[in-house]
């Protein structure tokens, strides 16, 4: 079973994404900011990261830059934000994101993006 880490400071967003992913058959863990996510990512292997941009302590850009600099198995990351400008997208990709999606995200769009990055329709 593929493992996905949802990183978002909003409980409602984490719950929304968790419901979509668990219904599709993925194992899900959560982190409320980039610091907690980094701790989890260094302790366990995840197949994919869903990363919010704006979070306290360590934002999504900082989390991805730090994760990408670590000597650990790397996994794809989808950055999710309410910010829709070209600059935001550039910053996300420069930090190490594989995809950039703008909230609100429809379940089909999220699952299609995950399947694209994981290369497999089966969780």
PDB file of N, CA and C in Angstrom:
ATOM      1  N   UNK A   1       0.840  -1.184   0.000  1.00  0.00           N
ATOM      2  CA  UNK A   1       0.000   0.000   0.000  1.00  0.00           C
ATOM      3  C   UNK A   1       0.883   1.244   0.000  1.00  0.00           C
ATOM      4  N   UNK A   2       0.594   2.148  -0.897  1.00  0.00           N
ATOM      5  CA  UNK A   2       1.376   3.384  -1.002  1.00  0.00           C
ATOM      6  C   UNK A   2       1.046   4.328   0.153  1.00  0.00           C
ATOM      7  N   UNK A   3       2.096   4.987   0.683  1.00  0.00           N
ATOM      8  CA  UNK A   3       1.938   5.895   1.829  1.00  0.00           C
ATOM      9  C   UNK A   3       2.097   7.338   1.390  1.00  0.00           C
ATOM     10  N   UNK A   4       1.140   8.176   1.801  1.00  0.00           N
ATOM     11  CA  UNK A   4       1.159   9.594   1.447  1.00  0.00           C
ATOM     12  C   UNK A   4       1.134  10.429   2.723  1.00  0.00           C
ATOM     13  N   UNK A   5       2.002  11.439   2.768  1.00  0.00           N
ATOM     14  CA  UNK A   5       2.028  12.372   3.897  1.00  0.00           C
ATOM     15  C   UNK A   5       1.360  13.671   3.474  1.00  0.00           C
ATOM     16  N   UNK A   6       0.300  14.033   4.200  1.00  0.00           N
ATOM     17  CA  UNK A   6      -0.406  15.293   3.965  1.00  0.00           C
ATOM     18  C   UNK A   6       0.163  16.327   4.932  1.00  0.00           C
ATOM     19  N   UNK A   7       0.637  17.442   4.395  1.00  0.00           N
ATOM     20  CA  UNK A   7       1.239  18.483   5.229  1.00  0.00           C
ATOM     21  C   UNK A   7       0.435  19.770   5.039  1.00  0.00           C
ATOM     22  N   UNK A   8      -0.341  20.128   6.061  1.00  0.00           N
ATOM     23  CA  UNK A   8      -1.191  21.309   5.980  1.00  0.00           C
ATOM     24  C   UNK A   8      -1.558  21.716   7.397  1.00  0.00           C
ATOM     25  N   UNK A   9      -1.550  23.017   7.680  1.00  0.00           N
ATOM     26  CA  UNK A   9      -1.874  23.473   9.031  1.00  0.00           C
ATOM     27  C   UNK A   9      -3.382  23.541   9.269  1.00  0.00           C
ATOM     28  N   UNK A  10      -4.195  23.390   8.231  1.00  0.00           N
ATOM     29  CA  UNK A  10      -5.652  23.451   8.387  1.00  0.00           C
ATOM     30  C   UNK A  10      -6.226  22.043   8.537  1.00  0.00           C
ATOM     31  N   UNK A  11      -6.841  21.778   9.682  1.00  0.00           N
ATOM     32  CA  UNK A  11      -7.415  20.454   9.962  1.00  0.00           C
ATOM     33  C   UNK A  11      -8.466  20.062   8.924  1.00  0.00           C
ATOM     34  N   UNK A  12      -9.265  21.027   8.480  1.00  0.00           N
ATOM     35  CA  UNK A  12     -10.315  20.708   7.511  1.00  0.00           C
ATOM     36  C   UNK A  12      -9.728  20.263   6.173  1.00  0.00           C
ATOM     37  N   UNK A  13      -8.630  20.884   5.761  1.00  0.00           N
ATOM     38  CA  UNK A  13      -7.976  20.503   4.511  1.00  0.00           C
ATOM     39  C   UNK A  13      -7.360  19.114   4.651  1.00  0.00           C
ATOM     40  N   UNK A  14      -6.696  18.852   5.770  1.00  0.00           N
ATOM     41  CA  UNK A  14      -6.116  17.520   5.989  1.00  0.00           C
ATOM     42  C   UNK A  14      -7.209  16.456   5.949  1.00  0.00           C
ATOM     43  N   UNK A  15      -8.338  16.715   6.598  1.00  0.00           N
ATOM     44  CA  UNK A  15      -9.433  15.749   6.634  1.00  0.00           C
ATOM     45  C   UNK A  15      -9.992  15.520   5.224  1.00  0.00           C
ATOM     46  N   UNK A  16     -10.167  16.587   4.457  1.00  0.00           N
ATOM     47  CA  UNK A  16     -10.672  16.486   3.085  1.00  0.00           C
ATOM     48  C   UNK A  16      -9.748  15.608   2.240  1.00  0.00           C
ATOM     49  N   UNK A  17      -8.451  15.891   2.286  1.00  0.00           N
ATOM     50  CA  UNK A  17      -7.489  15.106   1.501  1.00  0.00           C
ATOM     51  C   UNK A  17      -7.409  13.673   2.020  1.00  0.00           C
ATOM     52  N   UNK A  18      -7.416  13.489   3.337  1.00  0.00           N
ATOM     53  CA  UNK A  18      -7.372  12.146   3.919  1.00  0.00           C
ATOM     54  C   UNK A  18      -8.542  11.299   3.418  1.00  0.00           C
ATOM     55  N   UNK A  19      -9.740  11.870   3.423  1.00  0.00           N
ATOM     56  CA  UNK A  19     -10.925  11.126   2.972  1.00  0.00           C
ATOM     57  C   UNK A  19     -10.799  10.692   1.521  1.00  0.00           C
ATOM     58  N   UNK A  20     -10.331  11.588   0.666  1.00  0.00           N
ATOM     59  CA  UNK A  20     -10.152  11.252  -0.756  1.00  0.00           C
ATOM     60  C   UNK A  20      -9.138  10.118  -0.907  1.00  0.00           C
ATOM     61  N   UNK A  21      -8.006  10.259  -0.233  1.00  0.00           N
ATOM     62  CA  UNK A  21      -6.917   9.289  -0.394  1.00  0.00           C
ATOM     63  C   UNK A  21      -7.237   7.935   0.220  1.00  0.00           C
ATOM     64  N   UNK A  22      -7.832   7.928   1.409  1.00  0.00           N
ATOM     65  CA  UNK A  22      -8.165   6.654   2.045  1.00  0.00           C
ATOM     66  C   UNK A  22      -9.253   5.925   1.259  1.00  0.00           C
ATOM     67  N   UNK A  23     -10.208   6.666   0.734  1.00  0.00           N
ATOM     68  CA  UNK A  23     -11.256   6.052  -0.083  1.00  0.00           C
ATOM     69  C   UNK A  23     -10.648   5.390  -1.317  1.00  0.00           C
ATOM     70  N   UNK A  24      -9.581   5.982  -1.850  1.00  0.00           N
ATOM     71  CA  UNK A  24      -8.891   5.438  -3.023  1.00  0.00           C
ATOM     72  C   UNK A  24      -7.932   4.301  -2.652  1.00  0.00           C
ATOM     73  N   UNK A  25      -7.750   4.054  -1.352  1.00  0.00           N
ATOM     74  CA  UNK A  25      -6.927   2.925  -0.926  1.00  0.00           C
ATOM     75  C   UNK A  25      -5.510   3.243  -0.496  1.00  0.00           C
ATOM     76  N   UNK A  26      -5.193   4.507  -0.303  1.00  0.00           N
ATOM     77  CA  UNK A  26      -3.845   4.888   0.131  1.00  0.00           C
ATOM     78  C   UNK A  26      -3.764   4.913   1.655  1.00  0.00           C
ATOM     79  N   UNK A  27      -2.573   4.659   2.170  1.00  0.00           N
ATOM     80  CA  UNK A  27      -2.297   4.839   3.599  1.00  0.00           C
ATOM     81  C   UNK A  27      -1.887   6.291   3.773  1.00  0.00           C
ATOM     82  N   UNK A  28      -2.426   6.949   4.800  1.00  0.00           N
ATOM     83  CA  UNK A  28      -2.229   8.385   4.958  1.00  0.00           C
ATOM     84  C   UNK A  28      -1.692   8.717   6.339  1.00  0.00           C
ATOM     85  N   UNK A  29      -0.745   9.643   6.380  1.00  0.00           N
ATOM     86  CA  UNK A  29      -0.278  10.232   7.635  1.00  0.00           C
ATOM     87  C   UNK A  29      -0.376  11.740   7.445  1.00  0.00           C
ATOM     88  N   UNK A  30      -0.348  12.472   8.560  1.00  0.00           N
ATOM     89  CA  UNK A  30      -0.513  13.916   8.493  1.00  0.00           C
ATOM     90  C   UNK A  30       0.558  14.622   9.306  1.00  0.00           C
ATOM     91  N   UNK A  31       0.838  15.865   8.885  1.00  0.00           N
ATOM     92  CA  UNK A  31       1.711  16.755   9.645  1.00  0.00           C
ATOM     93  C   UNK A  31       1.098  18.149   9.572  1.00  0.00           C
ATOM     94  N   UNK A  32       1.241  18.914  10.675  1.00  0.00           N
ATOM     95  CA  UNK A  32       0.590  20.227  10.717  1.00  0.00           C
ATOM     96  C   UNK A  32       1.487  21.372  10.260  1.00  0.00           C
ATOM     97  N   UNK A  33       2.778  21.082  10.028  1.00  0.00           N
ATOM     98  CA  UNK A  33       3.685  22.098   9.494  1.00  0.00           C
ATOM     99  C   UNK A  33       4.925  21.407   8.926  1.00  0.00           C
ATOM    100  N   UNK A  34       5.793  22.196   8.315  1.00  0.00           N
ATOM    101  CA  UNK A  34       6.978  21.632   7.684  1.00  0.00           C
ATOM    102  C   UNK A  34       7.951  20.971   8.643  1.00  0.00           C
ATOM    103  N   UNK A  35       8.040  21.493   9.871  1.00  0.00           N
ATOM    104  CA  UNK A  35       8.953  20.881  10.859  1.00  0.00           C
ATOM    105  C   UNK A  35       8.499  19.468  11.216  1.00  0.00           C
ATOM    106  N   UNK A  36       7.215  19.323  11.527  1.00  0.00           N
ATOM    107  CA  UNK A  36       6.684  17.998  11.863  1.00  0.00           C
ATOM    108  C   UNK A  36       6.807  17.055  10.666  1.00  0.00           C
ATOM    109  N   UNK A  37       6.550  17.570   9.476  1.00  0.00           N
ATOM    110  CA  UNK A  37       6.644  16.756   8.261  1.00  0.00           C
ATOM    111  C   UNK A  37       8.066  16.269   8.032  1.00  0.00           C
ATOM    112  N   UNK A  38       9.037  17.144   8.257  1.00  0.00           N
ATOM    113  CA  UNK A  38      10.431  16.756   8.060  1.00  0.00           C
ATOM    114  C   UNK A  38      10.821  15.646   9.034  1.00  0.00           C
ATOM    115  N   UNK A  39      10.401  15.778  10.290  1.00  0.00           N
ATOM    116  CA  UNK A  39      10.670  14.720  11.277  1.00  0.00           C
ATOM    117  C   UNK A  39      10.091  13.391  10.804  1.00  0.00           C
ATOM    118  N   UNK A  40       8.854  13.401  10.343  1.00  0.00           N
ATOM    119  CA  UNK A  40       8.208  12.161   9.889  1.00  0.00           C
ATOM    120  C   UNK A  40       8.901  11.605   8.649  1.00  0.00           C
ATOM    121  N   UNK A  41       9.258  12.492   7.717  1.00  0.00           N
ATOM    122  CA  UNK A  41       9.889  12.057   6.470  1.00  0.00           C
ATOM    123  C   UNK A  41      11.264  11.438   6.714  1.00  0.00           C
ATOM    124  N   UNK A  42      11.951  11.884   7.754  1.00  0.00           N
ATOM    125  CA  UNK A  42      13.268  11.334   8.056  1.00  0.00           C
ATOM    126  C   UNK A  42      13.175  10.036   8.854  1.00  0.00           C
ATOM    127  N   UNK A  43      12.013   9.760   9.440  1.00  0.00           N
ATOM    128  CA  UNK A  43      11.831   8.542  10.237  1.00  0.00           C
ATOM    129  C   UNK A  43      11.189   7.407   9.449  1.00  0.00           C
ATOM    130  N   UNK A  44      10.358   7.737   8.456  1.00  0.00           N
ATOM    131  CA  UNK A  44       9.639   6.708   7.713  1.00  0.00           C
ATOM    132  C   UNK A  44       9.624   7.070   6.237  1.00  0.00           C
ATOM    133  N   UNK A  45       9.427   6.064   5.413  1.00  0.00           N
ATOM    134  CA  UNK A  45       9.419   6.287   3.964  1.00  0.00           C
ATOM    135  C   UNK A  45       7.992   6.563   3.494  1.00  0.00           C
ATOM    136  N   UNK A  46       7.852   7.597   2.677  1.00  0.00           N
ATOM    137  CA  UNK A  46       6.568   7.913   2.068  1.00  0.00           C
ATOM    138  C   UNK A  46       6.724   7.827   0.552  1.00  0.00           C
ATOM    139  N   UNK A  47       5.626   7.502  -0.129  1.00  0.00           N
ATOM    140  CA  UNK A  47       5.651   7.395  -1.585  1.00  0.00           C
ATOM    141  C   UNK A  47       5.339   8.728  -2.259  1.00  0.00           C
ATOM    142  N   UNK A  48       4.699   9.649  -1.484  1.00  0.00           N
ATOM    143  CA  UNK A  48       4.307  10.931  -2.052  1.00  0.00           C
ATOM    144  C   UNK A  48       4.012  11.910  -0.920  1.00  0.00           C
ATOM    145  N   UNK A  49       4.246  13.189  -1.197  1.00  0.00           N
ATOM    146  CA  UNK A  49       3.945  14.258  -0.228  1.00  0.00           C
ATOM    147  C   UNK A  49       2.943  15.226  -0.845  1.00  0.00           C
ATOM    148  N   UNK A  50       1.908  15.583  -0.082  1.00  0.00           N
ATOM    149  CA  UNK A  50       0.992  16.672  -0.439  1.00  0.00           C
ATOM    150  C   UNK A  50       1.362  17.828   0.460  1.00  0.00           C
ATOM    151  N   UNK A  51       1.850  18.916  -0.098  1.00  0.00           N
ATOM    152  CA  UNK A  51       2.453  19.990   0.688  1.00  0.00           C
ATOM    153  C   UNK A  51       1.725  21.323   0.503  1.00  0.00           C
ATOM    154  N   UNK A  52       1.210  21.860   1.603  1.00  0.00           N
ATOM    155  CA  UNK A  52       0.636  23.206   1.594  1.00  0.00           C
ATOM    156  C   UNK A  52       1.785  24.211   1.563  1.00  0.00           C
ATOM    157  N   UNK A  53       1.540  25.405   1.044  1.00  0.00           N
ATOM    158  CA  UNK A  53       2.590  26.428   1.005  1.00  0.00           C
ATOM    159  C   UNK A  53       2.673  27.182   2.330  1.00  0.00           C
ATOM    160  N   UNK A  54       1.578  27.807   2.731  1.00  0.00           N
ATOM    161  CA  UNK A  54       1.594  28.692   3.896  1.00  0.00           C
ATOM    162  C   UNK A  54       1.311  27.937   5.190  1.00  0.00           C
ATOM    163  N   UNK A  55       2.365  27.756   5.987  1.00  0.00           N
ATOM    164  CA  UNK A  55       2.251  27.077   7.278  1.00  0.00           C
ATOM    165  C   UNK A  55       3.188  27.748   8.274  1.00  0.00           C
ATOM    166  N   UNK A  56       2.855  27.676   9.564  1.00  0.00           N
ATOM    167  CA  UNK A  56       3.754  28.232  10.582  1.00  0.00           C
ATOM    168  C   UNK A  56       4.999  27.355  10.756  1.00  0.00           C
ATOM    169  N   UNK A  57       6.004  27.902  11.410  1.00  0.00           N
ATOM    170  CA  UNK A  57       7.267  27.226  11.748  1.00  0.00           C
ATOM    171  C   UNK A  57       8.148  26.957  10.541  1.00  0.00           C
ATOM    172  N   UNK A  58       7.638  26.200   9.561  1.00  0.00           N
ATOM    173  CA  UNK A  58       8.402  25.928   8.343  1.00  0.00           C
ATOM    174  C   UNK A  58       7.386  25.775   7.221  1.00  0.00           C
ATOM    175  N   UNK A  59       7.443  26.687   6.234  1.00  0.00           N
ATOM    176  CA  UNK A  59       6.446  26.634   5.164  1.00  0.00           C
ATOM    177  C   UNK A  59       6.765  25.511   4.174  1.00  0.00           C
ATOM    178  N   UNK A  60       5.883  25.354   3.193  1.00  0.00           N
ATOM    179  CA  UNK A  60       6.039  24.279   2.225  1.00  0.00           C
ATOM    180  C   UNK A  60       7.314  24.370   1.414  1.00  0.00           C
ATOM    181  N   UNK A  61       7.697  25.591   1.033  1.00  0.00           N
ATOM    182  CA  UNK A  61       8.947  25.759   0.281  1.00  0.00           C
ATOM    183  C   UNK A  61      10.141  25.305   1.119  1.00  0.00           C
ATOM    184  N   UNK A  62      10.173  25.752   2.364  1.00  0.00           N
ATOM    185  CA  UNK A  62      11.275  25.388   3.255  1.00  0.00           C
ATOM    186  C   UNK A  62      11.326  23.896   3.510  1.00  0.00           C
ATOM    187  N   UNK A  63      10.167  23.288   3.698  1.00  0.00           N
ATOM    188  CA  UNK A  63      10.104  21.837   3.911  1.00  0.00           C
ATOM    189  C   UNK A  63      10.701  21.107   2.717  1.00  0.00           C
ATOM    190  N   UNK A  64      10.264  21.456   1.510  1.00  0.00           N
ATOM    191  CA  UNK A  64      10.764  20.755   0.326  1.00  0.00           C
ATOM    192  C   UNK A  64      12.253  20.969   0.109  1.00  0.00           C
ATOM    193  N   UNK A  65      12.726  22.203   0.285  1.00  0.00           N
ATOM    194  CA  UNK A  65      14.170  22.459   0.130  1.00  0.00           C
ATOM    195  C   UNK A  65      14.961  21.602   1.114  1.00  0.00           C
ATOM    196  N   UNK A  66      14.508  21.555   2.358  1.00  0.00           N
ATOM    197  CA  UNK A  66      15.208  20.782   3.383  1.00  0.00           C
ATOM    198  C   UNK A  66      15.138  19.285   3.080  1.00  0.00           C
ATOM    199  N   UNK A  67      13.966  18.796   2.704  1.00  0.00           N
ATOM    200  CA  UNK A  67      13.803  17.376   2.377  1.00  0.00           C
ATOM    201  C   UNK A  67      14.698  16.988   1.210  1.00  0.00           C
ATOM    202  N   UNK A  68      14.718  17.807   0.169  1.00  0.00           N
ATOM    203  CA  UNK A  68      15.515  17.498  -1.026  1.00  0.00           C
ATOM    204  C   UNK A  68      17.014  17.518  -0.736  1.00  0.00           C
ATOM    205  N   UNK A  69      17.428  18.189   0.324  1.00  0.00           N
ATOM    206  CA  UNK A  69      18.856  18.242   0.651  1.00  0.00           C
ATOM    207  C   UNK A  69      19.299  17.064   1.523  1.00  0.00           C
ATOM    208  N   UNK A  70      18.346  16.278   2.004  1.00  0.00           N
ATOM    209  CA  UNK A  70      18.658  15.153   2.890  1.00  0.00           C
ATOM    210  C   UNK A  70      19.065  13.919   2.083  1.00  0.00           C
ATOM    211  N   UNK A  71      19.902  13.095   2.701  1.00  0.00           N
ATOM    212  CA  UNK A  71      20.342  11.853   2.070  1.00  0.00           C
ATOM    213  C   UNK A  71      19.361  10.740   2.434  1.00  0.00           C
ATOM    214  N   UNK A  72      18.130  10.883   1.947  1.00  0.00           N
ATOM    215  CA  UNK A  72      17.086   9.881   2.173  1.00  0.00           C
ATOM    216  C   UNK A  72      16.421   9.589   0.831  1.00  0.00           C
ATOM    217  N   UNK A  73      15.696   8.467   0.770  1.00  0.00           N
ATOM    218  CA  UNK A  73      14.957   8.153  -0.453  1.00  0.00           C
ATOM    219  C   UNK A  73      13.968   9.280  -0.726  1.00  0.00           C
ATOM    220  N   UNK A  74      14.007   9.800  -1.928  1.00  0.00           N
ATOM    221  CA  UNK A  74      13.140  10.928  -2.282  1.00  0.00           C
ATOM    222  C   UNK A  74      11.853  10.410  -2.920  1.00  0.00           C
ATOM    223  N   UNK A  75      10.768  11.142  -2.697  1.00  0.00           N
ATOM    224  CA  UNK A  75       9.474  10.808  -3.270  1.00  0.00           C
ATOM    225  C   UNK A  75       8.902  12.058  -3.920  1.00  0.00           C
ATOM    226  N   UNK A  76       8.003  11.881  -4.870  1.00  0.00           N
ATOM    227  CA  UNK A  76       7.397  13.049  -5.508  1.00  0.00           C
ATOM    228  C   UNK A  76       6.607  13.891  -4.514  1.00  0.00           C
ATOM    229  N   UNK A  77       6.495  15.177  -4.820  1.00  0.00           N
ATOM    230  CA  UNK A  77       5.744  16.097  -3.960  1.00  0.00           C
ATOM    231  C   UNK A  77       4.810  16.939  -4.816  1.00  0.00           C
ATOM    232  N   UNK A  78       3.563  17.043  -4.348  1.00  0.00           N
ATOM    233  CA  UNK A  78       2.587  17.925  -4.978  1.00  0.00           C
ATOM    234  C   UNK A  78       2.393  19.099  -4.045  1.00  0.00           C
ATOM    235  N   UNK A  79       2.703  20.291  -4.518  1.00  0.00           N
ATOM    236  CA  UNK A  79       2.491  21.484  -3.706  1.00  0.00           C
ATOM    237  C   UNK A  79       1.091  21.992  -4.003  1.00  0.00           C
ATOM    238  N   UNK A  80       0.365  22.282  -2.930  1.00  0.00           N
ATOM    239  CA  UNK A  80      -1.019  22.715  -3.036  1.00  0.00           C
ATOM    240  C   UNK A  80      -1.155  24.059  -2.342  1.00  0.00           C
ATOM    241  N   UNK A  81      -1.744  25.033  -3.061  1.00  0.00           N
ATOM    242  CA  UNK A  81      -1.840  26.368  -2.490  1.00  0.00           C
ATOM    243  C   UNK A  81      -3.039  27.124  -3.035  1.00  0.00           C
ATOM    244  N   UNK A  82      -3.417  28.152  -2.318  1.00  0.00           N
ATOM    245  CA  UNK A  82      -4.429  29.074  -2.834  1.00  0.00           C
ATOM    246  C   UNK A  82      -3.768  30.101  -3.749  1.00  0.00           C
ATOM    247  N   UNK A  83      -2.449  30.181  -3.715  1.00  0.00           N
ATOM    248  CA  UNK A  83      -1.689  31.135  -4.536  1.00  0.00           C
ATOM    249  C   UNK A  83      -1.600  30.605  -5.965  1.00  0.00           C
ATOM    250  N   UNK A  84      -2.014  31.411  -6.933  1.00  0.00           N
ATOM    251  CA  UNK A  84      -2.088  30.923  -8.310  1.00  0.00           C
ATOM    252  C   UNK A  84      -1.150  31.629  -9.286  1.00  0.00           C
ATOM    253  N   UNK A  85      -0.252  32.470  -8.804  1.00  0.00           N
ATOM    254  CA  UNK A  85       0.599  33.223  -9.728  1.00  0.00           C
ATOM    255  C   UNK A  85       1.742  32.379 -10.285  1.00  0.00           C
ATOM    256  N   UNK A  86       2.281  32.829 -11.393  1.00  0.00           N
ATOM    257  CA  UNK A  86       3.412  32.141 -12.022  1.00  0.00           C
ATOM    258  C   UNK A  86       4.616  32.130 -11.084  1.00  0.00           C
ATOM    259  N   UNK A  87       4.812  33.203 -10.309  1.00  0.00           N
ATOM    260  CA  UNK A  87       5.922  33.245  -9.357  1.00  0.00           C
ATOM    261  C   UNK A  87       5.802  32.159  -8.295  1.00  0.00           C
ATOM    262  N   UNK A  88       4.584  31.946  -7.809  1.00  0.00           N
ATOM    263  CA  UNK A  88       4.373  30.892  -6.805  1.00  0.00           C
ATOM    264  C   UNK A  88       4.733  29.531  -7.381  1.00  0.00           C
ATOM    265  N   UNK A  89       4.319  29.284  -8.611  1.00  0.00           N
ATOM    266  CA  UNK A  89       4.644  28.009  -9.262  1.00  0.00           C
ATOM    267  C   UNK A  89       6.165  27.853  -9.407  1.00  0.00           C
ATOM    268  N   UNK A  90       6.835  28.916  -9.862  1.00  0.00           N
ATOM    269  CA  UNK A  90       8.293  28.857 -10.033  1.00  0.00           C
ATOM    270  C   UNK A  90       8.985  28.550  -8.714  1.00  0.00           C
ATOM    271  N   UNK A  91       8.547  29.226  -7.643  1.00  0.00           N
ATOM    272  CA  UNK A  91       9.144  28.975  -6.321  1.00  0.00           C
ATOM    273  C   UNK A  91       8.936  27.530  -5.890  1.00  0.00           C
ATOM    274  N   UNK A  92       7.747  26.994  -6.158  1.00  0.00           N
ATOM    275  CA  UNK A  92       7.446  25.609  -5.778  1.00  0.00           C
ATOM    276  C   UNK A  92       8.361  24.632  -6.511  1.00  0.00           C
ATOM    277  N   UNK A  93       8.487  24.812  -7.826  1.00  0.00           N
ATOM    278  CA  UNK A  93       9.343  23.907  -8.592  1.00  0.00           C
ATOM    279  C   UNK A  93      10.807  24.074  -8.202  1.00  0.00           C
ATOM    280  N   UNK A  94      11.231  25.291  -7.936  1.00  0.00           N
ATOM    281  CA  UNK A  94      12.612  25.534  -7.513  1.00  0.00           C
ATOM    282  C   UNK A  94      12.897  24.870  -6.168  1.00  0.00           C
ATOM    283  N   UNK A  95      11.888  24.787  -5.310  1.00  0.00           N
ATOM    284  CA  UNK A  95      12.065  24.164  -3.992  1.00  0.00           C
ATOM    285  C   UNK A  95      12.081  22.644  -4.073  1.00  0.00           C
ATOM    286  N   UNK A  96      11.574  22.093  -5.169  1.00  0.00           N
ATOM    287  CA  UNK A  96      11.604  20.635  -5.325  1.00  0.00           C
ATOM    288  C   UNK A  96      10.255  19.986  -5.557  1.00  0.00           C
ATOM    289  N   UNK A  97       9.221  20.778  -5.828  1.00  0.00           N
ATOM    290  CA  UNK A  97       7.905  20.198  -6.106  1.00  0.00           C
ATOM    291  C   UNK A  97       7.889  19.557  -7.493  1.00  0.00           C
ATOM    292  N   UNK A  98       7.098  18.496  -7.637  1.00  0.00           N
ATOM    293  CA  UNK A  98       6.933  17.844  -8.932  1.00  0.00           C
ATOM    294  C   UNK A  98       5.688  18.348  -9.665  1.00  0.00           C
ATOM    295  N   UNK A  99       4.702  18.789  -8.896  1.00  0.00           N
ATOM    296  CA  UNK A  99       3.468  19.353  -9.449  1.00  0.00           C
ATOM    297  C   UNK A  99       3.000  20.480  -8.549  1.00  0.00           C
ATOM    298  N   UNK A 100       2.207  21.388  -9.121  1.00  0.00           N
ATOM    299  CA  UNK A 100       1.666  22.510  -8.352  1.00  0.00           C
ATOM    300  C   UNK A 100       0.184  22.601  -8.659  1.00  0.00           C
ATOM    301  N   UNK A 101      -0.652  22.443  -7.629  1.00  0.00           N
ATOM    302  CA  UNK A 101      -2.100  22.516  -7.796  1.00  0.00           C
ATOM    303  C   UNK A 101      -2.653  23.673  -6.974  1.00  0.00           C
ATOM    304  N   UNK A 102      -3.703  24.296  -7.488  1.00  0.00           N
ATOM    305  CA  UNK A 102      -4.323  25.421  -6.802  1.00  0.00           C
ATOM    306  C   UNK A 102      -5.627  24.967  -6.145  1.00  0.00           C
ATOM    307  N   UNK A 103      -5.769  25.334  -4.851  1.00  0.00           N
ATOM    308  CA  UNK A 103      -6.991  25.001  -4.113  1.00  0.00           C
ATOM    309  C   UNK A 103      -8.145  25.837  -4.636  1.00  0.00           C
ATOM    310  N   UNK A 104      -9.365  25.356  -4.556  1.00  0.00           N
ATOM    311  CA  UNK A 104      -9.753  24.019  -4.080  1.00  0.00           C
ATOM    312  C   UNK A 104      -9.513  22.970  -5.167  1.00  0.00           C
ATOM    313  N   UNK A 105      -9.164  21.777  -4.745  1.00  0.00           N
ATOM    314  CA  UNK A 105      -8.842  20.695  -5.666  1.00  0.00           C
ATOM    315  C   UNK A 105      -9.986  19.690  -5.670  1.00  0.00           C
ATOM    316  N   UNK A 106     -10.399  19.315  -6.856  1.00  0.00           N
ATOM    317  CA  UNK A 106     -11.439  18.288  -6.994  1.00  0.00           C
ATOM    318  C   UNK A 106     -10.802  16.919  -6.760  1.00  0.00           C
ATOM    319  N   UNK A 107     -11.547  15.985  -6.152  1.00  0.00           N
ATOM    320  CA  UNK A 107     -10.989  14.646  -5.877  1.00  0.00           C
ATOM    321  C   UNK A 107     -10.388  13.980  -7.112  1.00  0.00           C
ATOM    322  N   UNK A 108     -11.071  14.089  -8.256  1.00  0.00           N
ATOM    323  CA  UNK A 108     -10.566  13.436  -9.483  1.00  0.00           C
ATOM    324  C   UNK A 108      -9.232  14.042  -9.907  1.00  0.00           C
ATOM    325  N   UNK A 109      -9.097  15.356  -9.760  1.00  0.00           N
ATOM    326  CA  UNK A 109      -7.852  16.032 -10.138  1.00  0.00           C
ATOM    327  C   UNK A 109      -6.714  15.579  -9.228  1.00  0.00           C
ATOM    328  N   UNK A 110      -6.992  15.485  -7.932  1.00  0.00           N
ATOM    329  CA  UNK A 110      -5.963  15.057  -6.982  1.00  0.00           C
ATOM    330  C   UNK A 110      -5.526  13.628  -7.272  1.00  0.00           C
ATOM    331  N   UNK A 111      -6.478  12.739  -7.446  1.00  0.00           N
ATOM    332  CA  UNK A 111      -6.135  11.333  -7.699  1.00  0.00           C
ATOM    333  C   UNK A 111      -5.424  11.158  -9.036  1.00  0.00           C
ATOM    334  N   UNK A 112      -5.841  11.883 -10.064  1.00  0.00           N
ATOM    335  CA  UNK A 112      -5.165  11.792 -11.366  1.00  0.00           C
ATOM    336  C   UNK A 112      -3.717  12.262 -11.248  1.00  0.00           C
ATOM    337  N   UNK A 113      -3.475  13.317 -10.468  1.00  0.00           N
ATOM    338  CA  UNK A 113      -2.115  13.833 -10.270  1.00  0.00           C
ATOM    339  C   UNK A 113      -1.254  12.819  -9.531  1.00  0.00           C
ATOM    340  N   UNK A 114      -1.830  12.177  -8.528  1.00  0.00           N
ATOM    341  CA  UNK A 114      -1.088  11.167  -7.764  1.00  0.00           C
ATOM    342  C   UNK A 114      -0.741   9.977  -8.645  1.00  0.00           C
ATOM    343  N   UNK A 115      -1.709   9.508  -9.415  1.00  0.00           N
ATOM    344  CA  UNK A 115      -1.461   8.374 -10.319  1.00  0.00           C
ATOM    345  C   UNK A 115      -0.379   8.743 -11.336  1.00  0.00           C
ATOM    346  N   UNK A 116      -0.429   9.961 -11.846  1.00  0.00           N
ATOM    347  CA  UNK A 116       0.587  10.424 -12.803  1.00  0.00           C
ATOM    348  C   UNK A 116       1.984  10.341 -12.189  1.00  0.00           C
ATOM    349  N   UNK A 117       2.126  10.817 -10.948  1.00  0.00           N
ATOM    350  CA  UNK A 117       3.445  10.849 -10.316  1.00  0.00           C
ATOM    351  C   UNK A 117       3.917   9.482  -9.837  1.00  0.00           C
ATOM    352  N   UNK A 118       2.990   8.654  -9.383  1.00  0.00           N
ATOM    353  CA  UNK A 118       3.388   7.341  -8.885  1.00  0.00           C
ATOM    354  C   UNK A 118       3.478   6.301 -10.005  1.00  0.00           C
ATOM    355  N   UNK A 119       2.903   6.639 -11.163  1.00  0.00           N
ATOM    356  CA  UNK A 119       3.001   5.745 -12.310  1.00  0.00           C
ATOM    357  C   UNK A 119       2.212   4.464 -12.174  1.00  0.00           C
ATOM    358  N   UNK A 120       1.182   4.468 -11.338  1.00  0.00           N
ATOM    359  CA  UNK A 120       0.428   3.236 -11.080  1.00  0.00           C
ATOM    360  C   UNK A 120      -0.947   3.606 -10.537  1.00  0.00           C
ATOM    361  N   UNK A 121      -1.972   3.028 -11.091  1.00  0.00           N
ATOM    362  CA  UNK A 121      -3.335   3.336 -10.644  1.00  0.00           C
ATOM    363  C   UNK A 121      -3.723   2.572  -9.380  1.00  0.00           C
ATOM    364  N   UNK A 122      -2.915   1.604  -8.962  1.00  0.00           N
ATOM    365  CA  UNK A 122      -3.269   0.834  -7.766  1.00  0.00           C
ATOM    366  C   UNK A 122      -2.509   1.331  -6.550  1.00  0.00           C
ATOM    367  N   UNK A 123      -3.246   1.654  -5.488  1.00  0.00           N
ATOM    368  CA  UNK A 123      -2.588   2.117  -4.254  1.00  0.00           C
ATOM    369  C   UNK A 123      -1.734   1.020  -3.679  1.00  0.00           C
TER     370      UNK A 123
END
